[in-house]
């Protein structure tokens, strides 16, 4: 099933493990991580926005809508997903969004097409690699936005899978692009992981 999809880069976290600041703006081989995410995701979607709760001026350089969480309190990625769903509901014909994390510079170039093959009117599709689930990489139906808003207003847990498991849920499996390539959902959460990503990029350039 091919569906009209908008993309959302989730950059709304507090980046505590990176030492604070905006994690996606950290440089990886001279280019910010979020710009790498944008360059990989933008060609795959009808429209793209950034979910960020910091000063939007930091992100306006990318020429995309910058959407702060529509609910307060930094409650996690589901708040970003809801924000993206509410934005997508204003876009003509868009029925789903695909979310991606700001610190995943090697995300799959076929992420959206693979997700779309598994889409359903109210089916959530999440990414998986090497047996690990990646719940911030998801295909989310716009039709579920009111249900998610109700969940965030009333639930005592904000875990992505707790809400997703209440709905039709499927997993899409991805693999690394060959020997020595990083997991496609490798995320640089810490300075040490950012250094590891630098090593990956240097090896690929060589």
C-alpha atoms as a PDB file:
ATOM      1  CA  UNK A   1       0.000   0.000   0.000  1.00  0.00           C
ATOM      2  CA  UNK A   2       1.570   3.295  -1.094  1.00  0.00           C
ATOM      3  CA  UNK A   3       0.538   6.191   1.138  1.00  0.00           C
ATOM      4  CA  UNK A   4       1.228   9.959   1.069  1.00  0.00           C
ATOM      5  CA  UNK A   5       3.774  10.483   3.845  1.00  0.00           C
ATOM      6  CA  UNK A   6       5.211  13.544   5.586  1.00  0.00           C
ATOM      7  CA  UNK A   7       8.444  13.310   7.561  1.00  0.00           C
ATOM      8  CA  UNK A   8       9.286  14.516  11.047  1.00  0.00           C
ATOM      9  CA  UNK A   9      12.766  14.792  12.565  1.00  0.00           C
ATOM     10  CA  UNK A  10      12.479  14.383  16.332  1.00  0.00           C
ATOM     11  CA  UNK A  11      14.839  16.892  17.963  1.00  0.00           C
ATOM     12  CA  UNK A  12      12.800  17.763  21.031  1.00  0.00           C
ATOM     13  CA  UNK A  13      14.789  15.933  23.707  1.00  0.00           C
ATOM     14  CA  UNK A  14      17.008  17.372  26.414  1.00  0.00           C
ATOM     15  CA  UNK A  15      20.266  15.689  25.222  1.00  0.00           C
ATOM     16  CA  UNK A  16      21.408  14.963  28.783  1.00  0.00           C
ATOM     17  CA  UNK A  17      23.771  12.147  27.754  1.00  0.00           C
ATOM     18  CA  UNK A  18      25.448  14.425  25.210  1.00  0.00           C
ATOM     19  CA  UNK A  19      25.977  17.022  27.938  1.00  0.00           C
ATOM     20  CA  UNK A  20      23.021  19.252  27.088  1.00  0.00           C
ATOM     21  CA  UNK A  21      22.491  21.621  24.185  1.00  0.00           C
ATOM     22  CA  UNK A  22      21.040  20.548  20.852  1.00  0.00           C
ATOM     23  CA  UNK A  23      22.340  17.078  20.051  1.00  0.00           C
ATOM     24  CA  UNK A  24      21.361  17.220  16.397  1.00  0.00           C
ATOM     25  CA  UNK A  25      23.501  20.331  15.875  1.00  0.00           C
ATOM     26  CA  UNK A  26      26.662  18.484  16.957  1.00  0.00           C
ATOM     27  CA  UNK A  27      29.081  18.212  14.058  1.00  0.00           C
ATOM     28  CA  UNK A  28      29.897  14.868  12.486  1.00  0.00           C
ATOM     29  CA  UNK A  29      32.773  15.141  10.000  1.00  0.00           C
ATOM     30  CA  UNK A  30      32.045  18.845   9.584  1.00  0.00           C
ATOM     31  CA  UNK A  31      28.306  18.473   9.052  1.00  0.00           C
ATOM     32  CA  UNK A  32      25.617  18.601  11.722  1.00  0.00           C
ATOM     33  CA  UNK A  33      23.925  15.302  12.497  1.00  0.00           C
ATOM     34  CA  UNK A  34      20.500  16.742  11.818  1.00  0.00           C
ATOM     35  CA  UNK A  35      21.556  17.973   8.381  1.00  0.00           C
ATOM     36  CA  UNK A  36      22.652  14.421   7.588  1.00  0.00           C
ATOM     37  CA  UNK A  37      19.278  13.113   8.760  1.00  0.00           C
ATOM     38  CA  UNK A  38      17.447  15.737   6.690  1.00  0.00           C
ATOM     39  CA  UNK A  39      19.444  14.964   3.542  1.00  0.00           C
ATOM     40  CA  UNK A  40      18.593  11.275   3.846  1.00  0.00           C
ATOM     41  CA  UNK A  41      14.921  11.666   4.802  1.00  0.00           C
ATOM     42  CA  UNK A  42      13.775  14.670   2.747  1.00  0.00           C
ATOM     43  CA  UNK A  43      13.844  12.918  -0.670  1.00  0.00           C
ATOM     44  CA  UNK A  44      11.639  10.154   0.731  1.00  0.00           C
ATOM     45  CA  UNK A  45       8.664  12.279   1.880  1.00  0.00           C
ATOM     46  CA  UNK A  46       6.096  14.761   0.572  1.00  0.00           C
ATOM     47  CA  UNK A  47       6.955  17.356   3.245  1.00  0.00           C
ATOM     48  CA  UNK A  48       9.378  17.528   6.172  1.00  0.00           C
ATOM     49  CA  UNK A  49       9.387  19.325   9.520  1.00  0.00           C
ATOM     50  CA  UNK A  50      11.559  19.433  12.642  1.00  0.00           C
ATOM     51  CA  UNK A  51      10.108  18.849  16.107  1.00  0.00           C
ATOM     52  CA  UNK A  52      12.238  20.943  18.488  1.00  0.00           C
ATOM     53  CA  UNK A  53      11.576  22.600  21.824  1.00  0.00           C
ATOM     54  CA  UNK A  54      14.628  24.860  21.895  1.00  0.00           C
ATOM     55  CA  UNK A  55      14.890  28.328  20.361  1.00  0.00           C
ATOM     56  CA  UNK A  56      13.626  27.687  16.821  1.00  0.00           C
ATOM     57  CA  UNK A  57      16.293  30.037  15.491  1.00  0.00           C
ATOM     58  CA  UNK A  58      18.829  27.229  15.822  1.00  0.00           C
ATOM     59  CA  UNK A  59      16.899  25.223  13.230  1.00  0.00           C
ATOM     60  CA  UNK A  60      15.587  27.830  10.800  1.00  0.00           C
ATOM     61  CA  UNK A  61      18.807  27.463   8.784  1.00  0.00           C
ATOM     62  CA  UNK A  62      17.394  24.218   7.363  1.00  0.00           C
ATOM     63  CA  UNK A  63      14.426  25.947   5.712  1.00  0.00           C
ATOM     64  CA  UNK A  64      11.853  23.622   7.291  1.00  0.00           C
ATOM     65  CA  UNK A  65       8.905  24.188   9.638  1.00  0.00           C
ATOM     66  CA  UNK A  66      10.055  23.997  13.280  1.00  0.00           C
ATOM     67  CA  UNK A  67       7.308  22.579  15.491  1.00  0.00           C
ATOM     68  CA  UNK A  68       7.539  22.668  19.311  1.00  0.00           C
ATOM     69  CA  UNK A  69       5.616  20.038  21.266  1.00  0.00           C
ATOM     70  CA  UNK A  70       1.922  20.879  21.382  1.00  0.00           C
ATOM     71  CA  UNK A  71       1.865  19.652  25.000  1.00  0.00           C
ATOM     72  CA  UNK A  72       4.309  20.841  27.652  1.00  0.00           C
ATOM     73  CA  UNK A  73       6.596  19.053  30.035  1.00  0.00           C
ATOM     74  CA  UNK A  74       9.139  17.298  27.775  1.00  0.00           C
ATOM     75  CA  UNK A  75       7.227  14.025  28.075  1.00  0.00           C
ATOM     76  CA  UNK A  76       9.165  12.271  25.326  1.00  0.00           C
ATOM     77  CA  UNK A  77       8.916  11.202  21.697  1.00  0.00           C
ATOM     78  CA  UNK A  78       5.167  10.564  21.713  1.00  0.00           C
ATOM     79  CA  UNK A  79       4.635  14.289  22.248  1.00  0.00           C
ATOM     80  CA  UNK A  80       6.702  14.892  19.133  1.00  0.00           C
ATOM     81  CA  UNK A  81       4.723  12.288  17.200  1.00  0.00           C
ATOM     82  CA  UNK A  82       1.458  13.983  18.230  1.00  0.00           C
ATOM     83  CA  UNK A  83       2.866  17.339  17.134  1.00  0.00           C
ATOM     84  CA  UNK A  84       3.776  15.839  13.769  1.00  0.00           C
ATOM     85  CA  UNK A  85       0.372  14.216  13.336  1.00  0.00           C
ATOM     86  CA  UNK A  86      -1.402  17.493  14.059  1.00  0.00           C
ATOM     87  CA  UNK A  87       0.828  19.279  11.532  1.00  0.00           C
ATOM     88  CA  UNK A  88       0.281  16.565   8.919  1.00  0.00           C
ATOM     89  CA  UNK A  89      -3.484  16.864   9.360  1.00  0.00           C
ATOM     90  CA  UNK A  90      -3.174  20.364   7.850  1.00  0.00           C
ATOM     91  CA  UNK A  91      -1.380  19.066   4.734  1.00  0.00           C
ATOM     92  CA  UNK A  92      -3.553  18.154   1.780  1.00  0.00           C
ATOM     93  CA  UNK A  93      -3.809  14.421   1.219  1.00  0.00           C
ATOM     94  CA  UNK A  94      -1.173  13.310   3.746  1.00  0.00           C
ATOM     95  CA  UNK A  95      -2.382  10.245   5.682  1.00  0.00           C
ATOM     96  CA  UNK A  96       0.759   9.230   7.610  1.00  0.00           C
ATOM     97  CA  UNK A  97       3.975  10.617   9.029  1.00  0.00           C
ATOM     98  CA  UNK A  98       7.342   8.923   9.365  1.00  0.00           C
ATOM     99  CA  UNK A  99       9.426   9.954  12.374  1.00  0.00           C
ATOM    100  CA  UNK A 100      13.213   9.790  12.626  1.00  0.00           C
ATOM    101  CA  UNK A 101      15.628  10.717  15.409  1.00  0.00           C
ATOM    102  CA  UNK A 102      17.934  13.709  15.056  1.00  0.00           C
ATOM    103  CA  UNK A 103      21.034  11.704  16.105  1.00  0.00           C
ATOM    104  CA  UNK A 104      20.829   8.854  13.541  1.00  0.00           C
ATOM    105  CA  UNK A 105      23.016   9.975  10.613  1.00  0.00           C
ATOM    106  CA  UNK A 106      22.958   6.602   8.813  1.00  0.00           C
ATOM    107  CA  UNK A 107      19.186   6.075   8.622  1.00  0.00           C
ATOM    108  CA  UNK A 108      17.980   3.939   5.684  1.00  0.00           C
ATOM    109  CA  UNK A 109      17.457   5.591   2.316  1.00  0.00           C
ATOM    110  CA  UNK A 110      14.519   3.236   1.746  1.00  0.00           C
ATOM    111  CA  UNK A 111      12.941   3.808   5.165  1.00  0.00           C
ATOM    112  CA  UNK A 112       9.707   5.340   3.869  1.00  0.00           C
ATOM    113  CA  UNK A 113       9.215   2.997   0.936  1.00  0.00           C
ATOM    114  CA  UNK A 114       9.730  -0.048   3.159  1.00  0.00           C
ATOM    115  CA  UNK A 115       7.356   1.336   5.791  1.00  0.00           C
ATOM    116  CA  UNK A 116       4.757   2.215   3.145  1.00  0.00           C
ATOM    117  CA  UNK A 117       4.685  -1.366   1.875  1.00  0.00           C
ATOM    118  CA  UNK A 118       3.339  -2.359   5.301  1.00  0.00           C
ATOM    119  CA  UNK A 119       0.975   0.581   5.815  1.00  0.00           C
ATOM    120  CA  UNK A 120      -2.674   0.303   6.785  1.00  0.00           C
ATOM    121  CA  UNK A 121      -5.283   2.961   7.553  1.00  0.00           C
ATOM    122  CA  UNK A 122      -4.650   2.673  11.317  1.00  0.00           C
ATOM    123  CA  UNK A 123      -1.574   0.408  11.446  1.00  0.00           C
ATOM    124  CA  UNK A 124       1.575   1.652  13.169  1.00  0.00           C
ATOM    125  CA  UNK A 125       4.833   0.352  11.678  1.00  0.00           C
ATOM    126  CA  UNK A 126       8.057   0.525  13.709  1.00  0.00           C
ATOM    127  CA  UNK A 127      11.637  -0.167  12.674  1.00  0.00           C
ATOM    128  CA  UNK A 128      13.694  -3.106  13.875  1.00  0.00           C
ATOM    129  CA  UNK A 129      17.305  -4.161  13.212  1.00  0.00           C
ATOM    130  CA  UNK A 130      19.405  -6.980  14.643  1.00  0.00           C
ATOM    131  CA  UNK A 131      16.472  -7.917  16.849  1.00  0.00           C
ATOM    132  CA  UNK A 132      16.340  -4.423  18.400  1.00  0.00           C
ATOM    133  CA  UNK A 133      13.202  -2.306  18.146  1.00  0.00           C
ATOM    134  CA  UNK A 134      13.539   1.403  17.318  1.00  0.00           C
ATOM    135  CA  UNK A 135      10.258   2.974  18.422  1.00  0.00           C
ATOM    136  CA  UNK A 136      11.174   6.537  17.457  1.00  0.00           C
ATOM    137  CA  UNK A 137      11.396   5.354  13.835  1.00  0.00           C
ATOM    138  CA  UNK A 138       7.773   4.817  12.965  1.00  0.00           C
ATOM    139  CA  UNK A 139       5.030   5.177  10.396  1.00  0.00           C
ATOM    140  CA  UNK A 140       2.103   6.828  12.191  1.00  0.00           C
ATOM    141  CA  UNK A 141      -1.431   7.216  10.767  1.00  0.00           C
ATOM    142  CA  UNK A 142      -2.835  10.724  11.045  1.00  0.00           C
ATOM    143  CA  UNK A 143      -6.151   9.042  11.897  1.00  0.00           C
ATOM    144  CA  UNK A 144      -4.745   8.129  15.339  1.00  0.00           C
ATOM    145  CA  UNK A 145      -3.911  11.674  16.421  1.00  0.00           C
ATOM    146  CA  UNK A 146      -6.953  12.166  18.661  1.00  0.00           C
ATOM    147  CA  UNK A 147      -6.407   8.799  20.328  1.00  0.00           C
ATOM    148  CA  UNK A 148      -2.776   9.741  21.007  1.00  0.00           C
ATOM    149  CA  UNK A 149      -3.774  13.148  22.387  1.00  0.00           C
ATOM    150  CA  UNK A 150      -6.191  11.420  24.769  1.00  0.00           C
ATOM    151  CA  UNK A 151      -3.485   8.947  25.818  1.00  0.00           C
ATOM    152  CA  UNK A 152      -0.961  11.692  26.555  1.00  0.00           C
ATOM    153  CA  UNK A 153      -3.560  13.600  28.584  1.00  0.00           C
ATOM    154  CA  UNK A 154      -4.611  10.654  30.748  1.00  0.00           C
ATOM    155  CA  UNK A 155      -1.972   7.882  30.792  1.00  0.00           C
ATOM    156  CA  UNK A 156       0.586   7.344  33.536  1.00  0.00           C
ATOM    157  CA  UNK A 157       3.191   6.147  31.003  1.00  0.00           C
ATOM    158  CA  UNK A 158       4.584   7.984  28.019  1.00  0.00           C
ATOM    159  CA  UNK A 159       6.449   4.982  26.579  1.00  0.00           C
ATOM    160  CA  UNK A 160       6.029   4.697  22.815  1.00  0.00           C
ATOM    161  CA  UNK A 161       5.372   0.952  22.833  1.00  0.00           C
ATOM    162  CA  UNK A 162       2.784   1.204  25.603  1.00  0.00           C
ATOM    163  CA  UNK A 163       0.598   3.309  23.323  1.00  0.00           C
ATOM    164  CA  UNK A 164       1.537   1.582  20.062  1.00  0.00           C
ATOM    165  CA  UNK A 165       0.635  -1.836  21.459  1.00  0.00           C
ATOM    166  CA  UNK A 166      -2.950  -0.671  21.903  1.00  0.00           C
ATOM    167  CA  UNK A 167      -3.246  -0.493  18.116  1.00  0.00           C
ATOM    168  CA  UNK A 168      -2.502  -2.632  15.087  1.00  0.00           C
ATOM    169  CA  UNK A 169       1.308  -2.801  15.154  1.00  0.00           C
ATOM    170  CA  UNK A 170       3.876  -4.242  12.746  1.00  0.00           C
ATOM    171  CA  UNK A 171       7.675  -4.244  12.660  1.00  0.00           C
ATOM    172  CA  UNK A 172       9.810  -3.641   9.579  1.00  0.00           C
ATOM    173  CA  UNK A 173      13.272  -5.245   9.618  1.00  0.00           C
ATOM    174  CA  UNK A 174      16.362  -3.493   8.265  1.00  0.00           C
ATOM    175  CA  UNK A 175      20.000  -4.560   7.919  1.00  0.00           C
ATOM    176  CA  UNK A 176      23.317  -2.738   7.618  1.00  0.00           C
ATOM    177  CA  UNK A 177      24.538  -1.905   4.103  1.00  0.00           C
ATOM    178  CA  UNK A 178      27.277  -4.530   3.939  1.00  0.00           C
ATOM    179  CA  UNK A 179      30.232  -5.654   6.025  1.00  0.00           C
ATOM    180  CA  UNK A 180      31.590  -3.050   8.400  1.00  0.00           C
ATOM    181  CA  UNK A 181      28.676  -0.643   7.891  1.00  0.00           C
ATOM    182  CA  UNK A 182      26.987   0.699  11.008  1.00  0.00           C
ATOM    183  CA  UNK A 183      23.542  -0.380  12.077  1.00  0.00           C
ATOM    184  CA  UNK A 184      21.222   1.887  10.055  1.00  0.00           C
ATOM    185  CA  UNK A 185      19.700   3.140  13.302  1.00  0.00           C
ATOM    186  CA  UNK A 186      23.000   3.787  15.090  1.00  0.00           C
ATOM    187  CA  UNK A 187      22.405   6.833  17.265  1.00  0.00           C
ATOM    188  CA  UNK A 188      25.045   9.138  18.683  1.00  0.00           C
ATOM    189  CA  UNK A 189      23.674   9.831  22.149  1.00  0.00           C
ATOM    190  CA  UNK A 190      27.020  10.474  23.855  1.00  0.00           C
ATOM    191  CA  UNK A 191      30.351  12.074  22.926  1.00  0.00           C
ATOM    192  CA  UNK A 192      31.819   8.552  22.718  1.00  0.00           C
ATOM    193  CA  UNK A 193      29.146   7.430  20.250  1.00  0.00           C
ATOM    194  CA  UNK A 194      29.691  10.589  18.215  1.00  0.00           C
ATOM    195  CA  UNK A 195      33.390   9.669  17.996  1.00  0.00           C
ATOM    196  CA  UNK A 196      32.353   6.184  16.863  1.00  0.00           C
ATOM    197  CA  UNK A 197      30.205   7.739  14.130  1.00  0.00           C
ATOM    198  CA  UNK A 198      33.191   9.868  13.058  1.00  0.00           C
ATOM    199  CA  UNK A 199      35.173   6.647  12.654  1.00  0.00           C
ATOM    200  CA  UNK A 200      32.430   5.139  10.492  1.00  0.00           C
ATOM    201  CA  UNK A 201      32.377   8.212   8.243  1.00  0.00           C
ATOM    202  CA  UNK A 202      36.183   8.273   7.949  1.00  0.00           C
ATOM    203  CA  UNK A 203      36.262   4.597   6.955  1.00  0.00           C
ATOM    204  CA  UNK A 204      33.559   5.115   4.349  1.00  0.00           C
ATOM    205  CA  UNK A 205      35.423   8.090   2.884  1.00  0.00           C
ATOM    206  CA  UNK A 206      38.602   6.023   2.660  1.00  0.00           C
END
